[in-house]
C-alpha atoms as a PDB file:
ATOM      1  CA  UNK A   1      -1.220  32.619 -20.296  1.00  0.00           C
ATOM      2  CA  UNK A   2      -2.650  29.952 -18.022  1.00  0.00           C
ATOM      3  CA  UNK A   3      -0.581  26.879 -17.220  1.00  0.00           C
ATOM      4  CA  UNK A   4      -1.777  23.471 -16.073  1.00  0.00           C
ATOM      5  CA  UNK A   5       0.734  20.892 -14.857  1.00  0.00           C
ATOM      6  CA  UNK A   6      -0.181  17.223 -14.713  1.00  0.00           C
ATOM      7  CA  UNK A   7       1.298  13.752 -14.737  1.00  0.00           C
ATOM      8  CA  UNK A   8       2.606  13.464 -11.216  1.00  0.00           C
ATOM      9  CA  UNK A   9       2.109  10.408  -9.086  1.00  0.00           C
ATOM     10  CA  UNK A  10       3.708   7.736  -6.952  1.00  0.00           C
ATOM     11  CA  UNK A  11       6.493   5.670  -8.496  1.00  0.00           C
ATOM     12  CA  UNK A  12       9.194   3.368  -7.216  1.00  0.00           C
ATOM     13  CA  UNK A  13      12.843   4.347  -7.379  1.00  0.00           C
ATOM     14  CA  UNK A  14      14.203   3.668 -10.825  1.00  0.00           C
ATOM     15  CA  UNK A  15      10.846   4.270 -12.436  1.00  0.00           C
ATOM     16  CA  UNK A  16       9.673   6.931 -14.848  1.00  0.00           C
ATOM     17  CA  UNK A  17       7.037   9.615 -15.102  1.00  0.00           C
ATOM     18  CA  UNK A  18       6.185  12.173 -17.731  1.00  0.00           C
ATOM     19  CA  UNK A  19       4.921  15.541 -16.619  1.00  0.00           C
ATOM     20  CA  UNK A  20       2.949  17.790 -18.923  1.00  0.00           C
ATOM     21  CA  UNK A  21       2.474  21.539 -18.812  1.00  0.00           C
ATOM     22  CA  UNK A  22      -0.460  22.608 -20.945  1.00  0.00           C
ATOM     23  CA  UNK A  23      -0.942  26.274 -21.759  1.00  0.00           C
ATOM     24  CA  UNK A  24      -3.934  28.279 -22.800  1.00  0.00           C
ATOM     25  CA  UNK A  25      -4.300  31.899 -23.659  1.00  0.00           C
ATOM     26  CA  UNK A  26      -1.722  33.780 -25.611  1.00  0.00           C
ATOM     27  CA  UNK A  27       0.586  32.276 -28.203  1.00  0.00           C
ATOM     28  CA  UNK A  28       2.540  29.665 -26.335  1.00  0.00           C
ATOM     29  CA  UNK A  29       5.505  29.617 -28.668  1.00  0.00           C
ATOM     30  CA  UNK A  30       6.679  33.062 -27.561  1.00  0.00           C
ATOM     31  CA  UNK A  31       7.515  31.807 -24.075  1.00  0.00           C
ATOM     32  CA  UNK A  32      10.467  30.094 -22.555  1.00  0.00           C
ATOM     33  CA  UNK A  33       9.119  27.383 -20.280  1.00  0.00           C
ATOM     34  CA  UNK A  34      10.611  26.214 -17.004  1.00  0.00           C
ATOM     35  CA  UNK A  35      10.149  23.390 -14.556  1.00  0.00           C
ATOM     36  CA  UNK A  36      10.850  23.983 -10.878  1.00  0.00           C
ATOM     37  CA  UNK A  37      10.316  21.750  -7.898  1.00  0.00           C
ATOM     38  CA  UNK A  38       9.906  22.175  -4.176  1.00  0.00           C
ATOM     39  CA  UNK A  39      10.482  19.424  -1.668  1.00  0.00           C
ATOM     40  CA  UNK A  40       9.054  19.585   1.856  1.00  0.00           C
ATOM     41  CA  UNK A  41      11.056  21.974   3.998  1.00  0.00           C
ATOM     42  CA  UNK A  42      13.219  23.096   1.093  1.00  0.00           C
ATOM     43  CA  UNK A  43      13.289  26.084  -1.202  1.00  0.00           C
ATOM     44  CA  UNK A  44      11.939  25.909  -4.712  1.00  0.00           C
ATOM     45  CA  UNK A  45      14.683  24.933  -7.149  1.00  0.00           C
ATOM     46  CA  UNK A  46      15.185  25.075 -10.884  1.00  0.00           C
ATOM     47  CA  UNK A  47      14.905  21.777 -12.720  1.00  0.00           C
ATOM     48  CA  UNK A  48      14.910  22.489 -16.434  1.00  0.00           C
ATOM     49  CA  UNK A  49      14.018  25.006 -19.113  1.00  0.00           C
ATOM     50  CA  UNK A  50      13.380  25.045 -22.824  1.00  0.00           C
ATOM     51  CA  UNK A  51      13.581  27.903 -25.292  1.00  0.00           C
ATOM     52  CA  UNK A  52      10.732  29.123 -27.450  1.00  0.00           C
ATOM     53  CA  UNK A  53      11.667  26.949 -30.415  1.00  0.00           C
ATOM     54  CA  UNK A  54      12.819  24.044 -28.274  1.00  0.00           C
ATOM     55  CA  UNK A  55      16.339  24.323 -29.605  1.00  0.00           C
ATOM     56  CA  UNK A  56      17.984  25.202 -26.298  1.00  0.00           C
ATOM     57  CA  UNK A  57      17.511  23.315 -23.064  1.00  0.00           C
ATOM     58  CA  UNK A  58      19.036  23.567 -19.619  1.00  0.00           C
ATOM     59  CA  UNK A  59      19.046  21.160 -16.706  1.00  0.00           C
ATOM     60  CA  UNK A  60      20.005  21.243 -13.076  1.00  0.00           C
ATOM     61  CA  UNK A  61      23.037  19.085 -12.401  1.00  0.00           C
ATOM     62  CA  UNK A  62      20.942  16.863 -10.162  1.00  0.00           C
ATOM     63  CA  UNK A  63      18.700  15.757 -13.050  1.00  0.00           C
ATOM     64  CA  UNK A  64      21.054  15.948 -16.007  1.00  0.00           C
ATOM     65  CA  UNK A  65      21.088  12.707 -17.948  1.00  0.00           C
ATOM     66  CA  UNK A  66      17.862  11.485 -16.328  1.00  0.00           C
ATOM     67  CA  UNK A  67      15.282  14.137 -17.258  1.00  0.00           C
ATOM     68  CA  UNK A  68      14.432  15.392 -20.729  1.00  0.00           C
ATOM     69  CA  UNK A  69      12.400  18.497 -21.483  1.00  0.00           C
ATOM     70  CA  UNK A  70      10.602  18.926 -24.773  1.00  0.00           C
ATOM     71  CA  UNK A  71       7.787  20.959 -26.230  1.00  0.00           C
ATOM     72  CA  UNK A  72       5.074  20.702 -28.836  1.00  0.00           C
ATOM     73  CA  UNK A  73       4.023  24.230 -29.721  1.00  0.00           C
ATOM     74  CA  UNK A  74       1.205  22.952 -31.914  1.00  0.00           C
ATOM     75  CA  UNK A  75      -0.308  21.397 -28.783  1.00  0.00           C
ATOM     76  CA  UNK A  76       0.719  24.250 -26.467  1.00  0.00           C
ATOM     77  CA  UNK A  77       2.390  21.706 -24.228  1.00  0.00           C
ATOM     78  CA  UNK A  78       5.780  21.175 -22.628  1.00  0.00           C
ATOM     79  CA  UNK A  79       6.829  17.783 -21.314  1.00  0.00           C
ATOM     80  CA  UNK A  80       9.297  16.664 -18.705  1.00  0.00           C
ATOM     81  CA  UNK A  81      10.272  13.038 -19.115  1.00  0.00           C
ATOM     82  CA  UNK A  82      11.750  11.807 -15.849  1.00  0.00           C
ATOM     83  CA  UNK A  83      13.650   8.526 -15.871  1.00  0.00           C
ATOM     84  CA  UNK A  84      15.690   6.718 -13.240  1.00  0.00           C
ATOM     85  CA  UNK A  85      13.786   8.520 -10.537  1.00  0.00           C
ATOM     86  CA  UNK A  86      15.282   8.723  -7.069  1.00  0.00           C
ATOM     87  CA  UNK A  87      13.640   9.334  -3.693  1.00  0.00           C
ATOM     88  CA  UNK A  88      15.308  12.746  -3.632  1.00  0.00           C
ATOM     89  CA  UNK A  89      13.268  13.708  -6.702  1.00  0.00           C
ATOM     90  CA  UNK A  90      10.183  13.709  -4.499  1.00  0.00           C
ATOM     91  CA  UNK A  91       8.668  17.191  -4.655  1.00  0.00           C
ATOM     92  CA  UNK A  92       5.877  19.280  -6.016  1.00  0.00           C
ATOM     93  CA  UNK A  93       6.769  20.138  -9.597  1.00  0.00           C
ATOM     94  CA  UNK A  94       5.720  23.454 -11.084  1.00  0.00           C
ATOM     95  CA  UNK A  95       5.838  24.723 -14.621  1.00  0.00           C
ATOM     96  CA  UNK A  96       6.379  28.376 -15.377  1.00  0.00           C
ATOM     97  CA  UNK A  97       6.618  30.460 -18.515  1.00  0.00           C
ATOM     98  CA  UNK A  98       7.797  33.867 -19.507  1.00  0.00           C
ATOM     99  CA  UNK A  99       9.486  36.092 -22.019  1.00  0.00           C
ATOM    100  CA  UNK A 100      12.153  37.681 -19.844  1.00  0.00           C
ATOM    101  CA  UNK A 101      11.753  35.414 -16.832  1.00  0.00           C
ATOM    102  CA  UNK A 102       9.167  33.081 -15.333  1.00  0.00           C
ATOM    103  CA  UNK A 103       6.294  35.519 -15.087  1.00  0.00           C
ATOM    104  CA  UNK A 104       3.522  32.948 -15.219  1.00  0.00           C
ATOM    105  CA  UNK A 105       3.099  29.908 -12.983  1.00  0.00           C
ATOM    106  CA  UNK A 106       0.865  26.903 -12.959  1.00  0.00           C
ATOM    107  CA  UNK A 107      -0.268  24.899  -9.999  1.00  0.00           C
ATOM    108  CA  UNK A 108       2.020  22.102  -8.946  1.00  0.00           C
ATOM    109  CA  UNK A 109       1.817  18.375  -9.470  1.00  0.00           C
ATOM    110  CA  UNK A 110       3.081  16.023  -6.781  1.00  0.00           C
ATOM    111  CA  UNK A 111       5.792  13.506  -7.597  1.00  0.00           C
ATOM    112  CA  UNK A 112       6.583  10.918  -4.944  1.00  0.00           C
ATOM    113  CA  UNK A 113       9.367   8.397  -5.413  1.00  0.00           C
ATOM    114  CA  UNK A 114       9.449   5.514  -2.978  1.00  0.00           C
ATOM    115  CA  UNK A 115      12.653   3.676  -2.116  1.00  0.00           C
END
């Protein structure tokens, strides 16, 4: 499966962005999908994940209550709605997918939150 992340940009603190992860290739609905992020000088960290059906979601504590992950299997797309953004959310955001883990990765999309 090939993954394409998009939707990043520059936003002021308190603003919102919606990231998209579009997939092509094999049946998208068989994969759990993840969002990770990596800030400059820091290790890549888990942000959120969503199960194959969309019924189960997980969030890092740092984004819980502000970010919402969802998926539309008919469109082969997963979304990450990010609200109440903070400067510390600034990072390159990556989507990943897999059956047992995150075997497949897309390129990142830059999110910059200004204070």
